[in-house]
Amino acid sequence: MKKHIAMAMTTGLIGMALISGGTVAYFSDELESKAEIQSGTLELGFVDIDENILFKIEDIQPGEEFESRFTLRNNGSLNIGEIVLFSKHTILDKNGNEKDNGFGSQILLKELIVDGKEIIKGKDSAMTLNELRKLKNGLLIKEEDIPFPNGDTMDVKVKFQFKKTAKDQNDFQGNKLELDWTFRAMQTNK
């Protein structure tokens, strides 16, 4: 009998819980949203340079100096930190045949000035194009501590000299040096 009473009470409690649970009311609301994440861009460009040809110098002779100016611009959406210059070149003889006869060792980069900052200037820091080409990590021309934001420009001046030596330089007559400079922009870490 006690079992029947306990069973009846349990059944009654379960029934009441089901009935009262169905009558509970509450309010709710939902809001859906979407988001986009887009990375920024690093894009270094030249100002007013056709076909990325920085300069073309012809008919130079030993002892002669020549200079060029150009402007870099941050065309990306992110600030640029460092800019590193990598140099390589190909030498063609007077017949147009590729021939590395040491002409790159005769062309001296005497000045490299970026926005007024002297990267290379004077005898102590001047280097030949062969020496510049051998720099495995390139030449740092802009340090990270100076911001280079989107849309800003940076003026670059270079000055070269065809070295004049006491030795015969006839092997270099009619040579053409095709200089390829790569400016590698790195994002800022600040």
N, C-alpha and C. Protein backbone atom coordinates (compact mmCIF):
# COMPACT_ATOMS: atom_id res chain seq x y z
N MET A 1 0.80 -1.17 0.00
CA MET A 1 0.00 0.00 0.00
C MET A 1 0.87 1.26 0.00
N LYS A 2 1.90 1.21 0.80
CA LYS A 2 2.79 2.36 0.82
C LYS A 2 3.40 2.56 -0.57
N LYS A 3 3.62 1.44 -1.23
CA LYS A 3 4.19 1.55 -2.57
C LYS A 3 3.21 2.23 -3.50
N HIS A 4 1.94 1.91 -3.37
CA HIS A 4 0.93 2.49 -4.25
C HIS A 4 0.77 3.98 -3.97
N ILE A 5 0.83 4.36 -2.69
CA ILE A 5 0.69 5.77 -2.35
C ILE A 5 1.91 6.54 -2.88
N ALA A 6 3.11 6.00 -2.70
CA ALA A 6 4.33 6.65 -3.17
C ALA A 6 4.31 6.77 -4.68
N MET A 7 3.80 5.71 -5.34
CA MET A 7 3.73 5.73 -6.80
C MET A 7 2.71 6.76 -7.27
N ALA A 8 1.62 6.87 -6.60
CA ALA A 8 0.59 7.83 -6.98
C ALA A 8 1.10 9.25 -6.77
N MET A 9 1.80 9.47 -5.68
CA MET A 9 2.34 10.81 -5.42
C MET A 9 3.40 11.17 -6.46
N THR A 10 4.24 10.23 -6.82
CA THR A 10 5.28 10.48 -7.83
C THR A 10 4.64 10.81 -9.16
N THR A 11 3.63 10.03 -9.53
CA THR A 11 2.94 10.27 -10.80
C THR A 11 2.27 11.64 -10.77
N GLY A 12 1.68 12.01 -9.66
CA GLY A 12 1.03 13.31 -9.55
C GLY A 12 2.03 14.45 -9.66
N LEU A 13 3.16 14.30 -9.02
CA LEU A 13 4.19 15.34 -9.09
C LEU A 13 4.72 15.49 -10.52
N ILE A 14 4.92 14.37 -11.18
CA ILE A 14 5.39 14.43 -12.57
C ILE A 14 4.36 15.12 -13.45
N GLY A 15 3.11 14.78 -13.28
CA GLY A 15 2.04 15.41 -14.06
C GLY A 15 1.97 16.89 -13.81
N MET A 16 2.08 17.33 -12.56
CA MET A 16 2.02 18.75 -12.24
C MET A 16 3.22 19.49 -12.86
N ALA A 17 4.38 18.83 -12.81
CA ALA A 17 5.57 19.46 -13.39
C ALA A 17 5.41 19.65 -14.88
N LEU A 18 4.81 18.66 -15.55
CA LEU A 18 4.61 18.78 -17.01
C LEU A 18 3.59 19.87 -17.33
N ILE A 19 2.52 19.94 -16.55
CA ILE A 19 1.48 20.94 -16.82
C ILE A 19 2.02 22.35 -16.54
N SER A 20 2.69 22.53 -15.41
CA SER A 20 3.18 23.86 -15.07
C SER A 20 4.35 24.27 -15.97
N GLY A 21 5.17 23.32 -16.40
CA GLY A 21 6.29 23.62 -17.29
C GLY A 21 5.81 24.14 -18.63
N GLY A 22 4.70 23.68 -19.10
CA GLY A 22 4.17 24.13 -20.38
C GLY A 22 3.55 25.50 -20.32
N THR A 23 3.24 25.98 -19.14
CA THR A 23 2.59 27.29 -19.01
C THR A 23 3.56 28.42 -18.71
N VAL A 24 4.88 28.11 -18.60
CA VAL A 24 5.86 29.16 -18.34
C VAL A 24 6.07 29.96 -19.63
N ALA A 25 6.02 31.26 -19.54
CA ALA A 25 6.21 32.13 -20.71
C ALA A 25 7.43 33.00 -20.50
N TYR A 26 8.17 33.28 -21.60
CA TYR A 26 9.31 34.18 -21.52
C TYR A 26 9.48 34.85 -22.87
N PHE A 27 10.18 35.99 -22.88
CA PHE A 27 10.46 36.72 -24.12
C PHE A 27 11.85 36.35 -24.59
N SER A 28 12.09 36.44 -25.89
CA SER A 28 13.42 36.24 -26.44
C SER A 28 13.58 37.09 -27.70
N ASP A 29 14.80 37.28 -28.06
CA ASP A 29 15.11 38.06 -29.26
C ASP A 29 16.45 37.56 -29.80
N GLU A 30 16.63 37.62 -31.09
CA GLU A 30 17.88 37.23 -31.72
C GLU A 30 18.33 38.33 -32.67
N LEU A 31 19.60 38.52 -32.75
CA LEU A 31 20.18 39.49 -33.66
C LEU A 31 21.33 38.82 -34.38
N GLU A 32 21.25 38.77 -35.70
CA GLU A 32 22.32 38.17 -36.49
C GLU A 32 23.20 39.28 -37.03
N SER A 33 24.46 38.99 -37.15
CA SER A 33 25.39 39.97 -37.71
C SER A 33 26.41 39.25 -38.58
N LYS A 34 27.07 40.05 -39.41
CA LYS A 34 28.14 39.54 -40.25
C LYS A 34 29.32 40.48 -40.10
N ALA A 35 30.48 39.99 -40.37
CA ALA A 35 31.68 40.82 -40.29
C ALA A 35 32.62 40.43 -41.43
N GLU A 36 33.48 41.36 -41.79
CA GLU A 36 34.49 41.08 -42.81
C GLU A 36 35.85 41.42 -42.24
N ILE A 37 36.81 40.63 -42.60
CA ILE A 37 38.20 40.90 -42.22
C ILE A 37 39.01 40.92 -43.51
N GLN A 38 39.62 42.06 -43.76
CA GLN A 38 40.41 42.20 -44.98
C GLN A 38 41.80 42.67 -44.59
N SER A 39 42.80 42.02 -45.15
CA SER A 39 44.17 42.42 -44.85
C SER A 39 44.53 43.67 -45.65
N GLY A 40 45.48 44.41 -45.12
CA GLY A 40 45.96 45.59 -45.81
C GLY A 40 46.98 45.21 -46.87
N THR A 41 47.47 46.20 -47.58
CA THR A 41 48.42 45.94 -48.67
C THR A 41 49.68 46.77 -48.49
N LEU A 42 50.78 46.18 -48.88
CA LEU A 42 52.05 46.89 -49.00
C LEU A 42 52.32 47.02 -50.49
N GLU A 43 52.45 48.24 -50.95
CA GLU A 43 52.72 48.44 -52.38
C GLU A 43 53.61 49.67 -52.54
N LEU A 44 54.83 49.41 -52.93
CA LEU A 44 55.79 50.47 -53.14
C LEU A 44 55.84 50.76 -54.63
N GLY A 45 55.76 52.03 -55.00
CA GLY A 45 55.77 52.39 -56.41
C GLY A 45 56.68 53.57 -56.69
N PHE A 46 56.85 53.84 -57.98
CA PHE A 46 57.63 55.00 -58.42
C PHE A 46 56.67 56.09 -58.85
N VAL A 47 57.12 57.33 -58.75
CA VAL A 47 56.35 58.48 -59.22
C VAL A 47 56.96 58.93 -60.54
N ASP A 48 56.14 59.01 -61.57
CA ASP A 48 56.54 59.53 -62.88
C ASP A 48 57.75 58.82 -63.48
N ILE A 49 57.77 57.51 -63.39
CA ILE A 49 58.83 56.71 -64.02
C ILE A 49 58.16 55.79 -65.04
N ASP A 50 58.59 55.89 -66.29
CA ASP A 50 58.02 55.05 -67.35
C ASP A 50 58.69 53.69 -67.36
N GLU A 51 57.88 52.65 -67.38
CA GLU A 51 58.34 51.26 -67.49
C GLU A 51 59.38 50.89 -66.44
N ASN A 52 59.33 51.55 -65.28
CA ASN A 52 60.25 51.29 -64.17
C ASN A 52 61.72 51.47 -64.55
N ILE A 53 62.00 52.30 -65.55
CA ILE A 53 63.39 52.61 -65.93
C ILE A 53 63.78 53.89 -65.18
N LEU A 54 64.67 53.74 -64.20
CA LEU A 54 65.06 54.87 -63.36
C LEU A 54 65.93 55.86 -64.10
N PHE A 55 66.85 55.38 -64.91
CA PHE A 55 67.73 56.27 -65.67
C PHE A 55 68.38 55.49 -66.79
N LYS A 56 68.84 56.25 -67.78
CA LYS A 56 69.57 55.67 -68.91
C LYS A 56 70.70 56.64 -69.23
N ILE A 57 71.91 56.19 -69.03
CA ILE A 57 73.10 57.02 -69.25
C ILE A 57 73.88 56.39 -70.39
N GLU A 58 74.28 57.21 -71.35
CA GLU A 58 75.01 56.71 -72.51
C GLU A 58 76.33 57.47 -72.67
N ASP A 59 77.26 56.82 -73.35
CA ASP A 59 78.53 57.42 -73.74
C ASP A 59 79.33 57.96 -72.55
N ILE A 60 79.39 57.20 -71.48
CA ILE A 60 80.20 57.63 -70.34
C ILE A 60 81.65 57.20 -70.58
N GLN A 61 82.55 57.91 -69.95
CA GLN A 61 83.97 57.60 -70.09
C GLN A 61 84.59 57.53 -68.70
N PRO A 62 85.73 56.87 -68.57
CA PRO A 62 86.39 56.77 -67.26
C PRO A 62 86.59 58.15 -66.63
N GLY A 63 86.27 58.23 -65.33
CA GLY A 63 86.38 59.48 -64.58
C GLY A 63 85.10 60.29 -64.54
N GLU A 64 84.15 59.96 -65.40
CA GLU A 64 82.92 60.74 -65.48
C GLU A 64 81.94 60.33 -64.38
N GLU A 65 81.23 61.35 -63.83
CA GLU A 65 80.19 61.12 -62.83
C GLU A 65 78.84 61.40 -63.46
N PHE A 66 77.83 60.72 -62.95
CA PHE A 66 76.46 60.97 -63.39
C PHE A 66 75.53 60.69 -62.23
N GLU A 67 74.42 61.41 -62.20
CA GLU A 67 73.48 61.23 -61.10
C GLU A 67 72.06 61.15 -61.63
N SER A 68 71.21 60.65 -60.78
CA SER A 68 69.79 60.53 -61.12
C SER A 68 68.98 60.73 -59.84
N ARG A 69 67.76 61.19 -60.04
CA ARG A 69 66.81 61.36 -58.93
C ARG A 69 65.51 60.67 -59.31
N PHE A 70 64.90 60.08 -58.32
CA PHE A 70 63.58 59.48 -58.52
C PHE A 70 62.83 59.49 -57.20
N THR A 71 61.56 59.22 -57.27
CA THR A 71 60.71 59.28 -56.08
C THR A 71 59.97 57.97 -55.90
N LEU A 72 60.01 57.46 -54.66
CA LEU A 72 59.24 56.28 -54.28
C LEU A 72 57.96 56.76 -53.59
N ARG A 73 56.88 55.99 -53.76
CA ARG A 73 55.62 56.34 -53.09
C ARG A 73 55.02 55.08 -52.47
N ASN A 74 54.43 55.24 -51.30
CA ASN A 74 53.69 54.16 -50.66
C ASN A 74 52.29 54.16 -51.25
N ASN A 75 52.03 53.22 -52.16
CA ASN A 75 50.72 53.09 -52.80
C ASN A 75 49.82 52.09 -52.08
N GLY A 76 50.30 51.49 -51.02
CA GLY A 76 49.51 50.50 -50.28
C GLY A 76 48.64 51.14 -49.23
N SER A 77 47.94 50.30 -48.47
CA SER A 77 47.06 50.80 -47.42
C SER A 77 47.74 50.75 -46.04
N LEU A 78 48.88 50.09 -45.94
CA LEU A 78 49.58 49.95 -44.66
C LEU A 78 50.83 50.82 -44.63
N ASN A 79 51.27 51.18 -43.44
CA ASN A 79 52.54 51.88 -43.29
C ASN A 79 53.67 50.93 -43.64
N ILE A 80 54.68 51.47 -44.31
CA ILE A 80 55.86 50.68 -44.64
C ILE A 80 56.90 50.91 -43.54
N GLY A 81 57.52 49.82 -43.12
CA GLY A 81 58.58 49.90 -42.12
C GLY A 81 59.91 50.11 -42.81
N GLU A 82 60.60 49.03 -43.09
CA GLU A 82 61.92 49.11 -43.74
C GLU A 82 61.79 49.01 -45.26
N ILE A 83 62.78 49.58 -45.93
CA ILE A 83 62.95 49.38 -47.37
C ILE A 83 64.40 48.96 -47.58
N VAL A 84 64.57 47.84 -48.27
CA VAL A 84 65.90 47.30 -48.53
C VAL A 84 66.12 47.27 -50.04
N LEU A 85 67.29 47.69 -50.47
CA LEU A 85 67.66 47.70 -51.88
C LEU A 85 68.51 46.48 -52.19
N PHE A 86 68.07 45.71 -53.19
CA PHE A 86 68.84 44.57 -53.71
C PHE A 86 69.27 44.92 -55.12
N SER A 87 70.52 44.64 -55.45
CA SER A 87 71.08 45.03 -56.74
C SER A 87 71.64 43.81 -57.47
N LYS A 88 71.39 43.77 -58.75
CA LYS A 88 72.05 42.80 -59.63
C LYS A 88 72.23 43.47 -60.98
N HIS A 89 73.10 42.92 -61.78
CA HIS A 89 73.32 43.51 -63.10
C HIS A 89 73.84 42.47 -64.08
N THR A 90 73.65 42.80 -65.33
CA THR A 90 74.14 42.00 -66.44
C THR A 90 75.00 42.91 -67.30
N ILE A 91 76.11 42.38 -67.77
CA ILE A 91 77.01 43.17 -68.61
C ILE A 91 77.00 42.60 -70.02
N LEU A 92 76.83 43.50 -70.98
CA LEU A 92 76.87 43.13 -72.40
C LEU A 92 78.07 43.83 -73.02
N ASP A 93 78.81 43.09 -73.83
CA ASP A 93 79.96 43.71 -74.51
C ASP A 93 79.47 44.55 -75.69
N LYS A 94 80.39 45.15 -76.41
CA LYS A 94 80.01 46.05 -77.51
C LYS A 94 79.27 45.33 -78.64
N ASN A 95 79.36 43.98 -78.68
CA ASN A 95 78.62 43.21 -79.69
C ASN A 95 77.27 42.72 -79.17
N GLY A 96 76.93 43.10 -77.92
CA GLY A 96 75.65 42.70 -77.35
C GLY A 96 75.66 41.33 -76.69
N ASN A 97 76.85 40.74 -76.54
CA ASN A 97 76.96 39.42 -75.90
C ASN A 97 77.15 39.59 -74.39
N GLU A 98 76.49 38.72 -73.65
CA GLU A 98 76.64 38.76 -72.20
C GLU A 98 78.06 38.36 -71.83
N LYS A 99 78.71 39.22 -71.07
CA LYS A 99 80.11 38.97 -70.73
C LYS A 99 80.43 39.72 -69.44
N ASP A 100 80.69 38.99 -68.38
CA ASP A 100 81.04 39.64 -67.12
C ASP A 100 82.55 39.87 -67.09
N ASN A 101 82.96 40.99 -67.65
CA ASN A 101 84.38 41.32 -67.76
C ASN A 101 84.85 42.26 -66.65
N GLY A 102 84.04 42.40 -65.60
CA GLY A 102 84.43 43.26 -64.49
C GLY A 102 83.97 44.70 -64.62
N PHE A 103 83.14 44.99 -65.60
CA PHE A 103 82.65 46.36 -65.78
C PHE A 103 81.92 46.86 -64.53
N GLY A 104 81.22 45.95 -63.83
CA GLY A 104 80.52 46.33 -62.59
C GLY A 104 81.47 46.80 -61.50
N SER A 105 82.72 46.37 -61.56
CA SER A 105 83.70 46.82 -60.57
C SER A 105 84.25 48.21 -60.91
N GLN A 106 83.91 48.70 -62.10
CA GLN A 106 84.37 50.01 -62.55
C GLN A 106 83.35 51.11 -62.29
N ILE A 107 82.12 50.71 -61.99
CA ILE A 107 81.05 51.70 -61.73
C ILE A 107 80.89 51.81 -60.21
N LEU A 108 81.15 52.99 -59.71
CA LEU A 108 81.16 53.26 -58.28
C LEU A 108 79.88 54.00 -57.89
N LEU A 109 79.17 53.49 -56.91
CA LEU A 109 78.02 54.20 -56.33
C LEU A 109 78.58 55.11 -55.25
N LYS A 110 78.67 56.40 -55.56
CA LYS A 110 79.29 57.37 -54.65
C LYS A 110 78.31 57.96 -53.66
N GLU A 111 77.06 58.10 -54.08
CA GLU A 111 76.05 58.69 -53.20
C GLU A 111 74.72 57.96 -53.35
N LEU A 112 74.09 57.75 -52.23
CA LEU A 112 72.71 57.27 -52.18
C LEU A 112 72.08 58.03 -51.03
N ILE A 113 71.22 58.98 -51.37
CA ILE A 113 70.59 59.84 -50.37
C ILE A 113 69.08 59.64 -50.47
N VAL A 114 68.47 59.28 -49.34
CA VAL A 114 67.04 59.00 -49.30
C VAL A 114 66.38 59.98 -48.35
N ASP A 115 65.53 60.85 -48.91
CA ASP A 115 64.85 61.89 -48.12
C ASP A 115 65.83 62.69 -47.26
N GLY A 116 66.96 63.03 -47.83
CA GLY A 116 67.96 63.83 -47.13
C GLY A 116 68.91 63.03 -46.24
N LYS A 117 68.63 61.75 -46.03
CA LYS A 117 69.50 60.92 -45.18
C LYS A 117 70.55 60.26 -46.06
N GLU A 118 71.80 60.46 -45.70
CA GLU A 118 72.91 59.91 -46.48
C GLU A 118 73.12 58.44 -46.13
N ILE A 119 72.76 57.58 -47.05
CA ILE A 119 72.98 56.14 -46.88
C ILE A 119 74.41 55.82 -47.33
N ILE A 120 74.78 56.36 -48.48
CA ILE A 120 76.15 56.26 -49.00
C ILE A 120 76.57 57.67 -49.41
N LYS A 121 77.70 58.12 -48.87
CA LYS A 121 78.22 59.42 -49.28
C LYS A 121 79.69 59.48 -48.90
N GLY A 122 80.52 59.76 -49.86
CA GLY A 122 81.95 59.91 -49.60
C GLY A 122 82.73 58.64 -49.88
N LYS A 123 84.04 58.78 -49.84
CA LYS A 123 84.93 57.67 -50.18
C LYS A 123 84.79 56.48 -49.24
N ASP A 124 84.55 56.75 -47.97
CA ASP A 124 84.52 55.65 -46.99
C ASP A 124 83.34 54.70 -47.18
N SER A 125 82.23 55.21 -47.66
CA SER A 125 81.05 54.34 -47.80
C SER A 125 80.74 53.99 -49.25
N ALA A 126 81.42 54.62 -50.22
CA ALA A 126 81.16 54.32 -51.63
C ALA A 126 81.45 52.86 -51.91
N MET A 127 80.71 52.31 -52.86
CA MET A 127 80.93 50.90 -53.23
C MET A 127 80.67 50.71 -54.71
N THR A 128 81.35 49.73 -55.28
CA THR A 128 81.13 49.41 -56.69
C THR A 128 79.82 48.65 -56.83
N LEU A 129 79.33 48.57 -58.05
CA LEU A 129 78.11 47.80 -58.28
C LEU A 129 78.34 46.31 -58.02
N ASN A 130 79.56 45.83 -58.23
CA ASN A 130 79.86 44.43 -57.88
C ASN A 130 79.74 44.22 -56.37
N GLU A 131 80.25 45.18 -55.58
CA GLU A 131 80.15 45.07 -54.12
C GLU A 131 78.71 45.15 -53.66
N LEU A 132 77.94 46.04 -54.26
CA LEU A 132 76.52 46.18 -53.91
C LEU A 132 75.77 44.89 -54.22
N ARG A 133 76.10 44.29 -55.35
CA ARG A 133 75.44 43.04 -55.75
C ARG A 133 75.73 41.90 -54.76
N LYS A 134 76.88 41.92 -54.13
CA LYS A 134 77.26 40.85 -53.20
C LYS A 134 76.60 40.96 -51.83
N LEU A 135 75.92 42.05 -51.55
CA LEU A 135 75.27 42.21 -50.24
C LEU A 135 74.08 41.25 -50.16
N LYS A 136 74.26 40.16 -49.46
CA LYS A 136 73.25 39.10 -49.38
C LYS A 136 71.92 39.62 -48.80
N ASN A 137 72.00 40.47 -47.80
CA ASN A 137 70.80 41.00 -47.15
C ASN A 137 70.38 42.35 -47.71
N GLY A 138 71.01 42.77 -48.79
CA GLY A 138 70.68 44.04 -49.40
C GLY A 138 71.21 45.22 -48.61
N LEU A 139 70.83 46.39 -49.04
CA LEU A 139 71.25 47.64 -48.42
C LEU A 139 70.02 48.32 -47.84
N LEU A 140 70.00 48.52 -46.53
CA LEU A 140 68.88 49.16 -45.86
C LEU A 140 68.86 50.64 -46.23
N ILE A 141 67.80 51.08 -46.91
CA ILE A 141 67.74 52.48 -47.30
C ILE A 141 66.69 53.26 -46.51
N LYS A 142 65.83 52.55 -45.78
CA LYS A 142 64.85 53.22 -44.92
C LYS A 142 64.64 52.35 -43.70
N GLU A 143 64.88 52.93 -42.52
CA GLU A 143 64.73 52.19 -41.28
C GLU A 143 63.29 52.25 -40.80
N GLU A 144 62.94 51.29 -39.97
CA GLU A 144 61.56 51.18 -39.50
C GLU A 144 61.13 52.32 -38.60
N ASP A 145 62.06 52.97 -37.89
CA ASP A 145 61.68 53.98 -36.90
C ASP A 145 61.10 55.25 -37.52
N ILE A 146 61.22 55.41 -38.83
CA ILE A 146 60.65 56.57 -39.51
C ILE A 146 59.42 56.10 -40.29
N PRO A 147 58.22 56.56 -39.92
CA PRO A 147 57.02 56.06 -40.60
C PRO A 147 56.98 56.47 -42.07
N PHE A 148 56.42 55.60 -42.88
CA PHE A 148 56.21 55.87 -44.31
C PHE A 148 54.77 55.48 -44.63
N PRO A 149 53.81 56.37 -44.30
CA PRO A 149 52.39 56.03 -44.45
C PRO A 149 51.91 56.05 -45.89
N ASN A 150 50.73 55.52 -46.06
CA ASN A 150 50.06 55.47 -47.36
C ASN A 150 50.03 56.86 -47.99
N GLY A 151 50.40 56.92 -49.27
CA GLY A 151 50.35 58.16 -50.03
C GLY A 151 51.60 59.02 -49.91
N ASP A 152 52.44 58.79 -48.92
CA ASP A 152 53.65 59.59 -48.77
C ASP A 152 54.69 59.22 -49.83
N THR A 153 55.58 60.16 -50.09
CA THR A 153 56.64 59.93 -51.07
C THR A 153 58.00 60.08 -50.39
N MET A 154 59.01 59.54 -51.07
CA MET A 154 60.37 59.55 -50.57
C MET A 154 61.30 59.84 -51.75
N ASP A 155 62.08 60.91 -51.66
CA ASP A 155 62.99 61.28 -52.74
C ASP A 155 64.31 60.54 -52.60
N VAL A 156 64.81 60.05 -53.73
CA VAL A 156 66.05 59.29 -53.76
C VAL A 156 66.99 59.94 -54.78
N LYS A 157 68.24 60.14 -54.35
CA LYS A 157 69.26 60.67 -55.26
C LYS A 157 70.41 59.67 -55.27
N VAL A 158 70.86 59.33 -56.46
CA VAL A 158 72.02 58.45 -56.61
C VAL A 158 73.06 59.15 -57.48
N LYS A 159 74.33 58.88 -57.16
CA LYS A 159 75.43 59.45 -57.94
C LYS A 159 76.44 58.34 -58.17
N PHE A 160 76.80 58.15 -59.44
CA PHE A 160 77.74 57.12 -59.85
C PHE A 160 78.98 57.76 -60.46
N GLN A 161 80.02 56.96 -60.53
CA GLN A 161 81.23 57.38 -61.24
C GLN A 161 81.82 56.17 -61.95
N PHE A 162 82.18 56.37 -63.20
CA PHE A 162 82.96 55.38 -63.94
C PHE A 162 84.39 55.61 -63.49
N LYS A 163 84.91 54.69 -62.70
CA LYS A 163 86.25 54.85 -62.11
C LYS A 163 87.31 55.03 -63.21
N LYS A 164 88.23 55.92 -62.93
CA LYS A 164 89.36 56.11 -63.83
C LYS A 164 90.58 55.51 -63.13
N THR A 165 91.21 54.57 -63.80
CA THR A 165 92.37 53.90 -63.20
C THR A 165 93.62 54.23 -64.00
N ALA A 166 94.75 53.86 -63.47
CA ALA A 166 96.02 54.06 -64.18
C ALA A 166 96.26 52.96 -65.21
N LYS A 167 95.37 51.96 -65.22
CA LYS A 167 95.51 50.83 -66.14
C LYS A 167 94.65 51.04 -67.38
N ASP A 168 94.97 50.30 -68.41
CA ASP A 168 94.21 50.28 -69.66
C ASP A 168 92.78 49.80 -69.37
N GLN A 169 91.78 50.56 -69.81
CA GLN A 169 90.38 50.19 -69.60
C GLN A 169 89.67 49.92 -70.93
N ASN A 170 90.43 49.56 -71.96
CA ASN A 170 89.86 49.34 -73.29
C ASN A 170 88.85 48.20 -73.32
N ASP A 171 88.97 47.22 -72.42
CA ASP A 171 88.01 46.11 -72.39
C ASP A 171 86.58 46.58 -72.12
N PHE A 172 86.44 47.78 -71.58
CA PHE A 172 85.11 48.28 -71.20
C PHE A 172 84.48 49.18 -72.26
N GLN A 173 85.20 49.43 -73.37
CA GLN A 173 84.63 50.27 -74.41
C GLN A 173 83.40 49.62 -75.01
N GLY A 174 82.34 50.39 -75.10
CA GLY A 174 81.09 49.89 -75.70
C GLY A 174 80.29 48.96 -74.80
N ASN A 175 80.75 48.71 -73.59
CA ASN A 175 80.00 47.85 -72.67
C ASN A 175 78.69 48.50 -72.24
N LYS A 176 77.75 47.66 -71.94
CA LYS A 176 76.45 48.13 -71.44
C LYS A 176 76.16 47.35 -70.16
N LEU A 177 75.85 48.07 -69.10
CA LEU A 177 75.50 47.44 -67.84
C LEU A 177 74.00 47.62 -67.62
N GLU A 178 73.29 46.52 -67.58
CA GLU A 178 71.84 46.56 -67.30
C GLU A 178 71.65 46.33 -65.81
N LEU A 179 71.31 47.40 -65.13
CA LEU A 179 71.21 47.40 -63.68
C LEU A 179 69.77 47.11 -63.26
N ASP A 180 69.60 46.11 -62.41
CA ASP A 180 68.28 45.76 -61.89
C ASP A 180 68.28 46.00 -60.39
N TRP A 181 67.50 46.97 -59.96
CA TRP A 181 67.37 47.26 -58.54
C TRP A 181 65.98 46.83 -58.09
N THR A 182 65.95 46.12 -56.98
CA THR A 182 64.69 45.73 -56.36
C THR A 182 64.61 46.41 -55.01
N PHE A 183 63.54 47.16 -54.80
CA PHE A 183 63.29 47.81 -53.53
C PHE A 183 62.25 46.97 -52.79
N ARG A 184 62.67 46.33 -51.71
CA ARG A 184 61.77 45.46 -50.95
C ARG A 184 61.24 46.21 -49.73
N ALA A 185 59.93 46.42 -49.72
CA ALA A 185 59.27 47.10 -48.60
C ALA A 185 58.77 46.06 -47.61
N MET A 186 58.99 46.34 -46.35
CA MET A 186 58.55 45.46 -45.28
C MET A 186 57.55 46.20 -44.40
N GLN A 187 56.57 45.47 -43.87
CA GLN A 187 55.59 46.10 -43.01
C GLN A 187 56.24 46.59 -41.72
N THR A 188 55.62 47.58 -41.13
CA THR A 188 56.11 48.08 -39.86
C THR A 188 55.64 47.16 -38.75
N ASN A 189 56.42 47.03 -37.72
CA ASN A 189 56.03 46.21 -36.56
C ASN A 189 55.51 47.07 -35.43
N LYS A 190 55.31 48.34 -35.70
CA LYS A 190 54.84 49.26 -34.67
C LYS A 190 53.39 49.58 -34.86
